[in-house]
C-alpha atoms as a PDB file:
ATOM      1  CA  MET A   1      18.080  17.579   6.745  1.00  0.00           C
ATOM      2  CA  PHE A   2      17.959  14.379   4.518  1.00  0.00           C
ATOM      3  CA  SER A   3      16.886  12.061   7.231  1.00  0.00           C
ATOM      4  CA  PHE A   4      14.579  14.486   8.336  1.00  0.00           C
ATOM      5  CA  LEU A   5      12.771  14.258   4.863  1.00  0.00           C
ATOM      6  CA  CYS A   6      12.990  11.006   5.034  1.00  0.00           C
ATOM      7  CA  VAL A   7      11.318  10.382   8.295  1.00  0.00           C
ATOM      8  CA  SER A   8       8.710  13.249   7.918  1.00  0.00           C
ATOM      9  CA  ARG A   9       7.134  11.376   4.042  1.00  0.00           C
ATOM     10  CA  ALA A  10       7.072   7.483   5.630  1.00  0.00           C
ATOM     11  CA  SER A  11       4.278   8.400   8.433  1.00  0.00           C
ATOM     12  CA  CYS A  12       2.379  10.058   5.963  1.00  0.00           C
ATOM     13  CA  TYR A  13       2.299   7.216   3.277  1.00  0.00           C
ATOM     14  CA  THR A  14       1.446   3.653   5.435  1.00  0.00           C
ATOM     15  CA  LEU A  15      -1.675   2.635   6.736  1.00  0.00           C
ATOM     16  CA  ASN A  16      -2.952  -0.163   8.653  1.00  0.00           C
ATOM     17  CA  TYR A  17      -5.436  -2.329   9.969  1.00  0.00           C
ATOM     18  CA  THR A  18      -6.083  -5.337  11.722  1.00  0.00           C
ATOM     19  CA  VAL A  19      -9.420  -7.250  11.209  1.00  0.00           C
ATOM     20  CA  GLY A  20     -10.340  -9.810  13.379  1.00  0.00           C
ATOM     21  CA  LYS A  21      -7.274 -11.078  15.483  1.00  0.00           C
ATOM     22  CA  GLY A  22      -5.156 -10.026  12.420  1.00  0.00           C
ATOM     23  CA  PRO A  23      -2.909 -13.058  10.466  1.00  0.00           C
ATOM     24  CA  GLN A  24      -3.195 -16.605  11.652  1.00  0.00           C
ATOM     25  CA  LYS A  25      -1.727 -18.331   9.161  1.00  0.00           C
ATOM     26  CA  GLY A  26       1.349 -16.537   7.599  1.00  0.00           C
ATOM     27  CA  ILE A  27      -0.026 -16.167   3.932  1.00  0.00           C
ATOM     28  CA  THR A  28       0.698 -12.614   2.092  1.00  0.00           C
ATOM     29  CA  VAL A  29      -0.662 -11.898  -0.910  1.00  0.00           C
ATOM     30  CA  VAL A  30       0.517  -8.240  -2.461  1.00  0.00           C
ATOM     31  CA  GLN A  31      -1.067  -6.129  -5.020  1.00  0.00           C
ATOM     32  CA  LYS A  32      -0.578  -2.726  -6.489  1.00  0.00           C
ATOM     33  CA  ASN A  33      -2.955  -0.218  -6.563  1.00  0.00           C
ATOM     34  CA  HIS A  34      -2.533   2.012  -9.619  1.00  0.00           C
ATOM     35  CA  TYR A  35      -3.441   5.922  -9.923  1.00  0.00           C
ATOM     36  CA  LEU A  36      -2.745   8.908 -12.128  1.00  0.00           C
ATOM     37  CA  VAL A  37      -2.575  12.847 -11.267  1.00  0.00           C
ATOM     38  CA  ALA A  38      -0.619  12.515  -7.611  1.00  0.00           C
ATOM     39  CA  GLY A  39      -3.516   9.830  -6.631  1.00  0.00           C
ATOM     40  CA  LEU A  40      -6.476  11.653  -7.754  1.00  0.00           C
ATOM     41  CA  ALA A  41      -7.599   9.395 -10.344  1.00  0.00           C
ATOM     42  CA  PRO A  42      -7.691   5.757  -9.713  1.00  0.00           C
ATOM     43  CA  ILE A  43      -6.944   2.937 -12.710  1.00  0.00           C
ATOM     44  CA  LYS A  44      -6.922   0.427 -10.597  1.00  0.00           C
ATOM     45  CA  THR A  45      -7.001  -0.424  -7.057  1.00  0.00           C
ATOM     46  CA  ALA A  46      -6.718  -3.975  -4.878  1.00  0.00           C
ATOM     47  CA  ASN A  47      -9.536  -5.316  -3.090  1.00  0.00           C
ATOM     48  CA  PRO A  48      -8.186  -6.449   0.998  1.00  0.00           C
ATOM     49  CA  VAL A  49     -11.781  -8.111   1.298  1.00  0.00           C
ATOM     50  CA  LYS A  50     -11.260 -10.071  -1.794  1.00  0.00           C
ATOM     51  CA  MET A  51      -7.359 -10.564  -1.264  1.00  0.00           C
ATOM     52  CA  ALA A  52      -8.121 -12.080   2.466  1.00  0.00           C
ATOM     53  CA  GLY A  53     -10.265 -14.466   0.293  1.00  0.00           C
ATOM     54  CA  ASP A  54     -12.163 -17.120   3.089  1.00  0.00           C
ATOM     55  CA  ALA A  55     -10.157 -15.733   6.006  1.00  0.00           C
ATOM     56  CA  GLN A  56     -11.967 -13.996   8.611  1.00  0.00           C
ATOM     57  CA  ASP A  57      -8.856 -12.832  10.111  1.00  0.00           C
ATOM     58  CA  TYR A  58      -6.002 -10.610   8.688  1.00  0.00           C
ATOM     59  CA  GLU A  59      -3.822  -7.204   8.283  1.00  0.00           C
ATOM     60  CA  VAL A  60      -3.775  -5.125   5.334  1.00  0.00           C
ATOM     61  CA  THR A  61      -0.720  -2.130   5.008  1.00  0.00           C
ATOM     62  CA  ILE A  62      -1.344  -0.185   2.053  1.00  0.00           C
ATOM     63  CA  THR A  63       1.890   1.521   1.767  1.00  0.00           C
ATOM     64  CA  HIS A  64       3.718   3.346  -0.779  1.00  0.00           C
ATOM     65  CA  THR A  65       7.346   1.190  -1.152  1.00  0.00           C
ATOM     66  CA  PHE A  66      10.917   2.430  -2.402  1.00  0.00           C
ATOM     67  CA  VAL A  67      10.544   1.632  -5.795  1.00  0.00           C
ATOM     68  CA  ASP A  68       6.609   3.269  -5.569  1.00  0.00           C
ATOM     69  CA  GLY A  69       8.225   6.337  -4.886  1.00  0.00           C
ATOM     70  CA  LEU A  70      11.057   5.980  -7.603  1.00  0.00           C
ATOM     71  CA  ILE A  71       7.974   5.367  -9.874  1.00  0.00           C
ATOM     72  CA  ASN A  72       6.582   8.498  -8.710  1.00  0.00           C
ATOM     73  CA  VAL A  73       9.266  10.602  -8.378  1.00  0.00           C
ATOM     74  CA  LEU A  74      10.419   9.788 -12.443  1.00  0.00           C
ATOM     75  CA  THR A  75       6.653  10.643 -13.847  1.00  0.00           C
ATOM     76  CA  SER A  76       6.566  13.895 -11.889  1.00  0.00           C
ATOM     77  CA  GLY A  77       3.694  12.314 -10.077  1.00  0.00           C
ATOM     78  CA  LEU A  78       1.695  11.504 -13.080  1.00  0.00           C
ATOM     79  CA  TYR A  79       1.606   8.256 -12.490  1.00  0.00           C
ATOM     80  CA  ASN A  80       1.545   6.977  -8.859  1.00  0.00           C
ATOM     81  CA  PRO A  81       1.539   3.476  -7.725  1.00  0.00           C
ATOM     82  CA  THR A  82       1.212   1.778  -3.970  1.00  0.00           C
ATOM     83  CA  THR A  83       1.517  -1.497  -2.812  1.00  0.00           C
ATOM     84  CA  THR A  84      -1.585  -3.558  -0.965  1.00  0.00           C
ATOM     85  CA  ILE A  85      -0.058  -5.859   1.438  1.00  0.00           C
ATOM     86  CA  VAL A  86      -2.841  -8.547   3.040  1.00  0.00           C
ATOM     87  CA  LYS A  87      -1.679 -11.185   5.984  1.00  0.00           C
ATOM     88  CA  LYS A  88      -3.329 -13.679   6.465  1.00  0.00           C
END
């Protein structure tokens, strides 16, 4: 049962998309997104285009890390961080 819950929750917490040909240089930029009330009220969100800089080819992943999920649980969903990762 526990493994089913882990697997079922993991898929809906990650968004991936590729721009251009995908990562070419091997550079990774990471920023946090901050939300309140189960993600309904954004406080600060990362801008993947700005994170990519002048790169034309990159990959974006927006996910809940283990620490993000732990913080969400500890605050009972009042604070809900996510992580944006841009690979150039």
